[in-house]
């Protein structure tokens, strides 16, 4: 595991636990299919 991989893992966790956990309380966000959610998490974690 490289330092970049570790940063990506931490960012993904922060997006998942911080942003998405709050956003998924909304009805609209609950309709988001799991594959789309995983795609968004992976792209957002790499982008930062």
N, C-alpha and C. Protein backbone atom coordinates (compact mmCIF):
# COMPACT_ATOMS: atom_id res chain seq x y z
N UNK A 1 0.85 -1.16 0.00
CA UNK A 1 0.00 0.00 0.00
C UNK A 1 0.90 1.24 0.00
N UNK A 2 0.60 2.15 -0.88
CA UNK A 2 1.36 3.39 -0.94
C UNK A 2 0.67 4.47 -0.11
N UNK A 3 1.38 5.55 0.09
CA UNK A 3 0.81 6.67 0.83
C UNK A 3 -0.43 7.22 0.11
N UNK A 4 -0.37 7.26 -1.20
CA UNK A 4 -1.51 7.72 -1.99
C UNK A 4 -2.73 6.81 -1.79
N UNK A 5 -2.50 5.51 -1.74
CA UNK A 5 -3.60 4.56 -1.49
C UNK A 5 -4.21 4.78 -0.11
N UNK A 6 -3.36 5.04 0.86
CA UNK A 6 -3.85 5.29 2.22
C UNK A 6 -4.70 6.56 2.27
N UNK A 7 -4.25 7.60 1.60
CA UNK A 7 -5.03 8.85 1.55
C UNK A 7 -6.38 8.62 0.86
N UNK A 8 -6.37 7.87 -0.21
CA UNK A 8 -7.62 7.58 -0.91
C UNK A 8 -8.58 6.80 -0.02
N UNK A 9 -8.06 5.84 0.74
CA UNK A 9 -8.91 5.06 1.65
C UNK A 9 -9.51 5.95 2.73
N UNK A 10 -8.73 6.86 3.27
CA UNK A 10 -9.24 7.78 4.30
C UNK A 10 -10.28 8.72 3.70
N UNK A 11 -10.00 9.25 2.53
CA UNK A 11 -10.98 10.14 1.88
C UNK A 11 -12.29 9.41 1.60
N UNK A 12 -12.19 8.16 1.14
CA UNK A 12 -13.41 7.38 0.86
C UNK A 12 -14.21 7.18 2.14
N UNK A 13 -13.51 6.86 3.23
CA UNK A 13 -14.19 6.67 4.50
C UNK A 13 -14.86 7.96 4.95
N UNK A 14 -14.17 9.09 4.80
CA UNK A 14 -14.75 10.38 5.19
C UNK A 14 -15.98 10.72 4.36
N UNK A 15 -15.91 10.49 3.05
CA UNK A 15 -17.08 10.73 2.20
C UNK A 15 -18.23 9.83 2.61
N UNK A 16 -17.95 8.56 2.85
CA UNK A 16 -18.99 7.59 3.17
C UNK A 16 -19.63 7.89 4.53
N UNK A 17 -18.80 8.09 5.55
CA UNK A 17 -19.31 8.30 6.90
C UNK A 17 -19.81 9.72 7.14
N UNK A 18 -19.17 10.69 6.53
CA UNK A 18 -19.53 12.07 6.78
C UNK A 18 -20.63 12.59 5.89
N UNK A 19 -20.37 12.58 4.60
CA UNK A 19 -21.28 13.21 3.64
C UNK A 19 -22.44 12.28 3.28
N UNK A 20 -22.12 11.07 2.82
CA UNK A 20 -23.18 10.18 2.35
C UNK A 20 -24.09 9.71 3.47
N UNK A 21 -23.57 9.52 4.66
CA UNK A 21 -24.43 9.05 5.75
C UNK A 21 -25.48 10.10 6.09
N UNK A 22 -25.13 11.37 5.99
CA UNK A 22 -26.10 12.44 6.25
C UNK A 22 -27.04 12.61 5.06
N UNK A 23 -26.50 12.49 3.86
CA UNK A 23 -27.31 12.68 2.65
C UNK A 23 -28.30 11.55 2.46
N UNK A 24 -27.97 10.34 2.91
CA UNK A 24 -28.86 9.21 2.69
C UNK A 24 -30.05 9.21 3.64
N UNK A 25 -30.15 10.21 4.48
CA UNK A 25 -31.37 10.37 5.27
C UNK A 25 -32.49 10.92 4.40
N UNK A 26 -32.15 11.55 3.28
CA UNK A 26 -33.15 12.09 2.36
C UNK A 26 -33.73 10.96 1.52
N UNK A 27 -35.00 11.10 1.17
CA UNK A 27 -35.69 10.08 0.37
C UNK A 27 -35.06 9.93 -1.00
N UNK A 28 -34.65 11.05 -1.61
CA UNK A 28 -34.08 11.00 -2.95
C UNK A 28 -32.77 10.22 -2.97
N UNK A 29 -31.96 10.40 -1.96
CA UNK A 29 -30.67 9.72 -1.92
C UNK A 29 -30.83 8.23 -1.67
N UNK A 30 -31.89 7.82 -1.02
CA UNK A 30 -32.12 6.39 -0.78
C UNK A 30 -32.44 5.66 -2.07
N UNK A 31 -32.89 6.39 -3.10
CA UNK A 31 -33.22 5.78 -4.38
C UNK A 31 -31.98 5.52 -5.22
N UNK A 32 -30.83 6.03 -4.80
CA UNK A 32 -29.59 5.86 -5.54
C UNK A 32 -29.14 4.40 -5.49
N UNK A 33 -28.99 3.76 -6.65
CA UNK A 33 -28.58 2.35 -6.65
C UNK A 33 -27.18 2.17 -6.05
N UNK A 34 -26.95 1.08 -5.34
CA UNK A 34 -25.63 0.83 -4.72
C UNK A 34 -24.44 0.92 -5.68
N UNK A 35 -24.55 0.42 -6.94
CA UNK A 35 -23.39 0.56 -7.84
C UNK A 35 -23.05 2.03 -8.15
N UNK A 36 -24.07 2.86 -8.24
CA UNK A 36 -23.84 4.28 -8.50
C UNK A 36 -23.19 4.92 -7.28
N UNK A 37 -23.65 4.55 -6.11
CA UNK A 37 -23.07 5.07 -4.87
C UNK A 37 -21.59 4.69 -4.76
N UNK A 38 -21.28 3.44 -5.07
CA UNK A 38 -19.88 2.98 -5.02
C UNK A 38 -19.03 3.71 -6.05
N UNK A 39 -19.58 3.94 -7.24
CA UNK A 39 -18.86 4.68 -8.27
C UNK A 39 -18.55 6.10 -7.80
N UNK A 40 -19.54 6.77 -7.23
CA UNK A 40 -19.34 8.12 -6.72
C UNK A 40 -18.30 8.16 -5.62
N UNK A 41 -18.37 7.21 -4.69
CA UNK A 41 -17.40 7.16 -3.60
C UNK A 41 -15.98 6.97 -4.13
N UNK A 42 -15.82 6.08 -5.07
CA UNK A 42 -14.47 5.82 -5.58
C UNK A 42 -13.92 7.03 -6.33
N UNK A 43 -14.75 7.72 -7.09
CA UNK A 43 -14.28 8.89 -7.85
C UNK A 43 -14.03 10.09 -6.93
N UNK A 44 -14.88 10.30 -5.95
CA UNK A 44 -14.69 11.42 -5.03
C UNK A 44 -13.46 11.23 -4.17
N UNK A 45 -13.18 10.01 -3.78
CA UNK A 45 -12.01 9.73 -2.94
C UNK A 45 -10.72 9.98 -3.71
N UNK A 46 -10.70 9.68 -4.98
CA UNK A 46 -9.50 9.88 -5.78
C UNK A 46 -9.31 11.35 -6.16
N UNK A 47 -10.39 12.08 -6.28
CA UNK A 47 -10.33 13.45 -6.79
C UNK A 47 -9.72 14.44 -5.82
N UNK A 48 -9.86 14.21 -4.55
CA UNK A 48 -9.42 15.21 -3.58
C UNK A 48 -7.92 15.30 -3.45
